[in-house]
Amino acid sequence: MKSARIELIPLSLVHAEALLCYAQDPSLWTWWARTPPMTLELMQQEISLALAQQAEGSRHAYSIRHLASGALIGSTSFLQISMANKSIEIGGTWLASAYQRSGINRECKTLLLNHAFDELSMNRVALQTDALNARSRRAIEKLGATFEGIMRNDRVVWDGRIRSSAYFSILKDEWLVLRQATREALGQR
């Protein structure tokens, strides 16, 4: 999957070192649920987990390649894949600090939404974030996702904090309308 500035490529263990140069920034992991992958060993473990989940059919993980530089600048995934229910979740996303607030996250989500609805024939795409993560919640809302509610105290995160999650979704017929607004926001036709 490719847009004007990025390409989503299948995540691979050979990406660990390239991703690590950005992953050592502790500010990236404030809202991360698992142990932050800030060492090569932890990055390899994180990627191995994603690949194991992919082999089970519950995840499709991608590295985010910045086309102008060729650098791998983050990762994103499809999660909670249910072909029977035509439902999928976008999550597990992190992006190097230098590329945040640049529109690249929106490009990633747009590529994934288009793929989910156009190629995978999904009826629903869910997105969720830590209920306290106001920046992520605003970004999800800017996509046009509908806020569905808070799942209270649904997980314990890596630092022992009990997290509540904010859930959003976009339905297929909604995306048909939102897609044009998203293209315009990204300066596309």
C-alpha atoms as a PDB file:
ATOM      1  CA  MET A   1       0.000   0.000   0.000  1.00  0.00           C
ATOM      2  CA  LYS A   2       1.437   3.337  -1.031  1.00  0.00           C
ATOM      3  CA  SER A   3       0.503   7.007  -0.812  1.00  0.00           C
ATOM      4  CA  ALA A   4       2.352  10.166  -1.846  1.00  0.00           C
ATOM      5  CA  ARG A   5       4.760  10.097   1.105  1.00  0.00           C
ATOM      6  CA  ILE A   6       4.678   6.626   2.623  1.00  0.00           C
ATOM      7  CA  GLU A   7       4.438   2.958   1.863  1.00  0.00           C
ATOM      8  CA  LEU A   8       3.136   0.257   4.185  1.00  0.00           C
ATOM      9  CA  ILE A   9       5.235  -2.877   3.783  1.00  0.00           C
ATOM     10  CA  PRO A  10       4.863  -6.192   5.612  1.00  0.00           C
ATOM     11  CA  LEU A  11       6.642  -6.053   8.972  1.00  0.00           C
ATOM     12  CA  SER A  12       9.723  -8.263   9.147  1.00  0.00           C
ATOM     13  CA  LEU A  13      12.382  -9.116  11.721  1.00  0.00           C
ATOM     14  CA  VAL A  14      14.956  -7.568   9.376  1.00  0.00           C
ATOM     15  CA  HIS A  15      13.285  -4.200  10.134  1.00  0.00           C
ATOM     16  CA  ALA A  16      14.184  -4.328  13.846  1.00  0.00           C
ATOM     17  CA  GLU A  17      17.429  -2.341  13.688  1.00  0.00           C
ATOM     18  CA  ALA A  18      16.029   0.288  11.316  1.00  0.00           C
ATOM     19  CA  LEU A  19      12.972   0.829  13.531  1.00  0.00           C
ATOM     20  CA  LEU A  20      15.083   0.886  16.680  1.00  0.00           C
ATOM     21  CA  CYS A  21      16.799   4.168  15.781  1.00  0.00           C
ATOM     22  CA  TYR A  22      13.436   5.907  16.271  1.00  0.00           C
ATOM     23  CA  ALA A  23      12.036   3.614  18.957  1.00  0.00           C
ATOM     24  CA  GLN A  24      14.570   4.669  21.589  1.00  0.00           C
ATOM     25  CA  ASP A  25      12.590   7.877  22.134  1.00  0.00           C
ATOM     26  CA  PRO A  26      10.719   7.266  25.432  1.00  0.00           C
ATOM     27  CA  SER A  27       8.020   9.820  24.511  1.00  0.00           C
ATOM     28  CA  LEU A  28       6.700   7.367  21.898  1.00  0.00           C
ATOM     29  CA  TRP A  29       5.677   4.842  24.518  1.00  0.00           C
ATOM     30  CA  THR A  30       3.617   6.902  26.967  1.00  0.00           C
ATOM     31  CA  TRP A  31       0.419   5.165  25.849  1.00  0.00           C
ATOM     32  CA  TRP A  32       1.868   1.800  24.752  1.00  0.00           C
ATOM     33  CA  ALA A  33       0.215  -1.230  26.380  1.00  0.00           C
ATOM     34  CA  ARG A  34       3.184  -3.639  26.336  1.00  0.00           C
ATOM     35  CA  THR A  35       6.809  -3.193  27.345  1.00  0.00           C
ATOM     36  CA  PRO A  36       8.227  -0.452  25.081  1.00  0.00           C
ATOM     37  CA  PRO A  37      10.555  -1.911  22.408  1.00  0.00           C
ATOM     38  CA  MET A  38      13.466   0.443  23.131  1.00  0.00           C
ATOM     39  CA  THR A  39      16.278  -2.132  22.791  1.00  0.00           C
ATOM     40  CA  LEU A  40      17.095  -4.405  19.875  1.00  0.00           C
ATOM     41  CA  GLU A  41      16.045  -7.471  21.862  1.00  0.00           C
ATOM     42  CA  LEU A  42      12.696  -5.913  22.835  1.00  0.00           C
ATOM     43  CA  MET A  43      12.094  -4.693  19.260  1.00  0.00           C
ATOM     44  CA  GLN A  44      12.773  -8.208  17.964  1.00  0.00           C
ATOM     45  CA  GLN A  45      10.358  -9.596  20.578  1.00  0.00           C
ATOM     46  CA  GLU A  46       7.686  -7.050  19.579  1.00  0.00           C
ATOM     47  CA  ILE A  47       8.075  -7.935  15.895  1.00  0.00           C
ATOM     48  CA  SER A  48       8.103 -11.684  16.661  1.00  0.00           C
ATOM     49  CA  LEU A  49       4.845 -11.292  18.599  1.00  0.00           C
ATOM     50  CA  ALA A  50       3.268  -9.437  15.664  1.00  0.00           C
ATOM     51  CA  LEU A  51       4.435 -12.110  13.226  1.00  0.00           C
ATOM     52  CA  ALA A  52       3.126 -14.918  15.468  1.00  0.00           C
ATOM     53  CA  GLN A  53      -0.257 -13.188  15.664  1.00  0.00           C
ATOM     54  CA  GLN A  54      -0.161 -12.797  11.889  1.00  0.00           C
ATOM     55  CA  ALA A  55       0.511 -16.524  11.458  1.00  0.00           C
ATOM     56  CA  GLU A  56      -2.573 -17.189  13.619  1.00  0.00           C
ATOM     57  CA  GLY A  57      -4.644 -14.882  11.398  1.00  0.00           C
ATOM     58  CA  SER A  58      -5.406 -12.286  14.083  1.00  0.00           C
ATOM     59  CA  ARG A  59      -3.085  -9.533  12.860  1.00  0.00           C
ATOM     60  CA  HIS A  60      -1.491  -8.051   9.743  1.00  0.00           C
ATOM     61  CA  ALA A  61       1.483  -5.881  10.714  1.00  0.00           C
ATOM     62  CA  TYR A  62       3.250  -3.282   8.582  1.00  0.00           C
ATOM     63  CA  SER A  63       6.326  -1.095   8.739  1.00  0.00           C
ATOM     64  CA  ILE A  64       5.866   2.491   7.621  1.00  0.00           C
ATOM     65  CA  ARG A  65       8.459   3.481   5.015  1.00  0.00           C
ATOM     66  CA  HIS A  66       9.017   7.183   4.336  1.00  0.00           C
ATOM     67  CA  LEU A  67       9.411   7.324   0.560  1.00  0.00           C
ATOM     68  CA  ALA A  68      11.608  10.433   0.296  1.00  0.00           C
ATOM     69  CA  SER A  69      14.214   9.161   2.774  1.00  0.00           C
ATOM     70  CA  GLY A  70      13.649   5.409   2.461  1.00  0.00           C
ATOM     71  CA  ALA A  71      13.643   5.208   6.280  1.00  0.00           C
ATOM     72  CA  LEU A  72      11.356   2.933   8.273  1.00  0.00           C
ATOM     73  CA  ILE A  73       9.648   5.407  10.613  1.00  0.00           C
ATOM     74  CA  GLY A  74       7.096   3.344  12.515  1.00  0.00           C
ATOM     75  CA  SER A  75       4.600   0.526  12.421  1.00  0.00           C
ATOM     76  CA  THR A  76       0.856  -0.071  12.231  1.00  0.00           C
ATOM     77  CA  SER A  77      -1.414  -3.111  12.111  1.00  0.00           C
ATOM     78  CA  PHE A  78      -4.761  -4.614  11.392  1.00  0.00           C
ATOM     79  CA  LEU A  79      -5.941  -6.375  14.577  1.00  0.00           C
ATOM     80  CA  GLN A  80      -9.022  -8.272  15.747  1.00  0.00           C
ATOM     81  CA  ILE A  81      -9.624  -9.589  12.237  1.00  0.00           C
ATOM     82  CA  SER A  82     -12.998 -11.263  11.786  1.00  0.00           C
ATOM     83  CA  MET A  83     -13.683 -12.202   8.189  1.00  0.00           C
ATOM     84  CA  ALA A  84     -16.926 -13.918   9.258  1.00  0.00           C
ATOM     85  CA  ASN A  85     -18.228 -10.664  10.767  1.00  0.00           C
ATOM     86  CA  LYS A  86     -16.506  -8.427   8.186  1.00  0.00           C
ATOM     87  CA  SER A  87     -14.937  -6.454  11.029  1.00  0.00           C
ATOM     88  CA  ILE A  88     -11.351  -5.369  11.687  1.00  0.00           C
ATOM     89  CA  GLU A  89      -9.437  -3.004  13.957  1.00  0.00           C
ATOM     90  CA  ILE A  90      -6.591  -0.626  13.133  1.00  0.00           C
ATOM     91  CA  GLY A  91      -4.076  -0.318  15.952  1.00  0.00           C
ATOM     92  CA  GLY A  92      -0.641  -1.012  17.311  1.00  0.00           C
ATOM     93  CA  THR A  93       0.469   2.189  15.583  1.00  0.00           C
ATOM     94  CA  TRP A  94       3.565   4.152  16.468  1.00  0.00           C
ATOM     95  CA  LEU A  95       5.327   6.821  14.461  1.00  0.00           C
ATOM     96  CA  ALA A  96       8.738   8.443  14.980  1.00  0.00           C
ATOM     97  CA  SER A  97       8.461  11.794  16.756  1.00  0.00           C
ATOM     98  CA  ALA A  98       9.958  13.686  13.806  1.00  0.00           C
ATOM     99  CA  TYR A  99       7.039  12.542  11.628  1.00  0.00           C
ATOM    100  CA  GLN A 100       4.219  13.150  14.090  1.00  0.00           C
ATOM    101  CA  ARG A 101       1.804  15.997  13.336  1.00  0.00           C
ATOM    102  CA  SER A 102       2.876  15.821   9.685  1.00  0.00           C
ATOM    103  CA  GLY A 103      -0.226  14.104   8.288  1.00  0.00           C
ATOM    104  CA  ILE A 104       1.634  10.803   7.864  1.00  0.00           C
ATOM    105  CA  ASN A 105      -0.455   9.045  10.516  1.00  0.00           C
ATOM    106  CA  ARG A 106      -3.578  10.115   8.626  1.00  0.00           C
ATOM    107  CA  GLU A 107      -2.062   8.769   5.399  1.00  0.00           C
ATOM    108  CA  CYS A 108      -1.424   5.434   7.130  1.00  0.00           C
ATOM    109  CA  LYS A 109      -4.970   5.239   8.427  1.00  0.00           C
ATOM    110  CA  THR A 110      -6.360   6.202   5.018  1.00  0.00           C
ATOM    111  CA  LEU A 111      -4.366   3.457   3.289  1.00  0.00           C
ATOM    112  CA  LEU A 112      -5.580   0.928   5.855  1.00  0.00           C
ATOM    113  CA  LEU A 113      -9.197   2.096   5.660  1.00  0.00           C
ATOM    114  CA  ASN A 114      -9.185   1.915   1.871  1.00  0.00           C
ATOM    115  CA  HIS A 115      -7.652  -1.560   2.002  1.00  0.00           C
ATOM    116  CA  ALA A 116     -10.120  -2.750   4.657  1.00  0.00           C
ATOM    117  CA  PHE A 117     -13.189  -1.555   2.800  1.00  0.00           C
ATOM    118  CA  ASP A 118     -12.110  -1.932  -0.842  1.00  0.00           C
ATOM    119  CA  GLU A 119      -9.888  -5.030  -0.806  1.00  0.00           C
ATOM    120  CA  LEU A 120     -10.994  -6.956   2.289  1.00  0.00           C
ATOM    121  CA  SER A 121     -14.702  -6.032   1.933  1.00  0.00           C
ATOM    122  CA  MET A 122     -15.072  -5.154   5.604  1.00  0.00           C
ATOM    123  CA  ASN A 123     -18.280  -3.614   6.915  1.00  0.00           C
ATOM    124  CA  ARG A 124     -16.700  -2.062  10.029  1.00  0.00           C
ATOM    125  CA  VAL A 125     -13.290  -0.776  11.071  1.00  0.00           C
ATOM    126  CA  ALA A 126     -12.664  -0.145  14.763  1.00  0.00           C
ATOM    127  CA  LEU A 127     -10.005   2.104  16.245  1.00  0.00           C
ATOM    128  CA  GLN A 128      -9.215   2.357  19.934  1.00  0.00           C
ATOM    129  CA  THR A 129      -6.790   4.217  22.148  1.00  0.00           C
ATOM    130  CA  ASP A 130      -6.080   4.880  25.783  1.00  0.00           C
ATOM    131  CA  ALA A 131      -8.990   6.962  27.071  1.00  0.00           C
ATOM    132  CA  LEU A 132      -6.463   9.456  28.490  1.00  0.00           C
ATOM    133  CA  ASN A 133      -4.669   9.918  25.149  1.00  0.00           C
ATOM    134  CA  ALA A 134      -6.375  13.124  24.005  1.00  0.00           C
ATOM    135  CA  ARG A 135      -4.057  13.603  21.008  1.00  0.00           C
ATOM    136  CA  SER A 136      -4.815  10.155  19.595  1.00  0.00           C
ATOM    137  CA  ARG A 137      -8.516  10.579  20.234  1.00  0.00           C
ATOM    138  CA  ARG A 138      -8.521  13.881  18.298  1.00  0.00           C
ATOM    139  CA  ALA A 139      -6.665  12.243  15.394  1.00  0.00           C
ATOM    140  CA  ILE A 140      -9.218   9.413  15.255  1.00  0.00           C
ATOM    141  CA  GLU A 141     -12.084  11.910  15.384  1.00  0.00           C
ATOM    142  CA  LYS A 142     -10.498  13.909  12.520  1.00  0.00           C
ATOM    143  CA  LEU A 143     -10.784  10.772  10.382  1.00  0.00           C
ATOM    144  CA  GLY A 144     -14.538  10.986  10.925  1.00  0.00           C
ATOM    145  CA  ALA A 145     -14.767   7.957  13.202  1.00  0.00           C
ATOM    146  CA  THR A 146     -17.762   7.697  15.515  1.00  0.00           C
ATOM    147  CA  PHE A 147     -17.035   7.556  19.248  1.00  0.00           C
ATOM    148  CA  GLU A 148     -18.641   4.411  20.648  1.00  0.00           C
ATOM    149  CA  GLY A 149     -17.701   4.698  24.291  1.00  0.00           C
ATOM    150  CA  ILE A 150     -15.172   3.844  26.981  1.00  0.00           C
ATOM    151  CA  MET A 151     -14.351   0.300  28.021  1.00  0.00           C
ATOM    152  CA  ARG A 152     -13.443   0.920  31.634  1.00  0.00           C
ATOM    153  CA  ASN A 153     -10.350  -0.647  33.227  1.00  0.00           C
ATOM    154  CA  ASP A 154     -10.001  -3.100  30.343  1.00  0.00           C
ATOM    155  CA  ARG A 155      -6.245  -3.727  30.590  1.00  0.00           C
ATOM    156  CA  VAL A 156      -3.148  -3.359  32.684  1.00  0.00           C
ATOM    157  CA  VAL A 157      -0.366  -1.646  30.737  1.00  0.00           C
ATOM    158  CA  TRP A 158       3.388  -2.202  30.922  1.00  0.00           C
ATOM    159  CA  ASP A 159       3.976   0.214  33.816  1.00  0.00           C
ATOM    160  CA  GLY A 160       1.195  -1.328  35.934  1.00  0.00           C
ATOM    161  CA  ARG A 161      -1.368   1.409  35.291  1.00  0.00           C
ATOM    162  CA  ILE A 162      -4.941   0.223  34.745  1.00  0.00           C
ATOM    163  CA  ARG A 163      -6.086   1.569  31.403  1.00  0.00           C
ATOM    164  CA  SER A 164      -9.529   2.362  30.081  1.00  0.00           C
ATOM    165  CA  SER A 165      -9.908   2.370  26.291  1.00  0.00           C
ATOM    166  CA  ALA A 166     -11.829   4.782  24.059  1.00  0.00           C
ATOM    167  CA  TYR A 167     -13.477   2.965  21.126  1.00  0.00           C
ATOM    168  CA  PHE A 168     -14.363   4.417  17.737  1.00  0.00           C
ATOM    169  CA  SER A 169     -15.547   2.957  14.438  1.00  0.00           C
ATOM    170  CA  ILE A 170     -16.093   3.744  10.793  1.00  0.00           C
ATOM    171  CA  LEU A 171     -18.676   1.800   8.790  1.00  0.00           C
ATOM    172  CA  LYS A 172     -18.328   1.047   5.096  1.00  0.00           C
ATOM    173  CA  ASP A 173     -21.075   3.422   3.971  1.00  0.00           C
ATOM    174  CA  GLU A 174     -19.598   6.173   6.175  1.00  0.00           C
ATOM    175  CA  TRP A 175     -16.147   5.701   4.637  1.00  0.00           C
ATOM    176  CA  LEU A 176     -17.573   6.184   1.155  1.00  0.00           C
ATOM    177  CA  VAL A 177     -18.508   9.726   2.244  1.00  0.00           C
ATOM    178  CA  LEU A 178     -15.481  10.377   4.497  1.00  0.00           C
ATOM    179  CA  ARG A 179     -12.948   9.232   1.898  1.00  0.00           C
ATOM    180  CA  GLN A 180     -13.399  12.386  -0.200  1.00  0.00           C
ATOM    181  CA  ALA A 181     -13.011  14.678   2.810  1.00  0.00           C
ATOM    182  CA  THR A 182      -9.864  12.780   3.777  1.00  0.00           C
ATOM    183  CA  ARG A 183      -8.442  13.128   0.266  1.00  0.00           C
ATOM    184  CA  GLU A 184      -9.069  16.855   0.364  1.00  0.00           C
ATOM    185  CA  ALA A 185      -7.448  17.163   3.807  1.00  0.00           C
ATOM    186  CA  LEU A 186      -4.358  15.364   2.448  1.00  0.00           C
ATOM    187  CA  GLY A 187      -4.293  17.591  -0.636  1.00  0.00           C
ATOM    188  CA  GLN A 188      -5.317  14.798  -3.002  1.00  0.00           C
ATOM    189  CA  ARG A 189      -8.030  14.655  -5.642  1.00  0.00           C
END
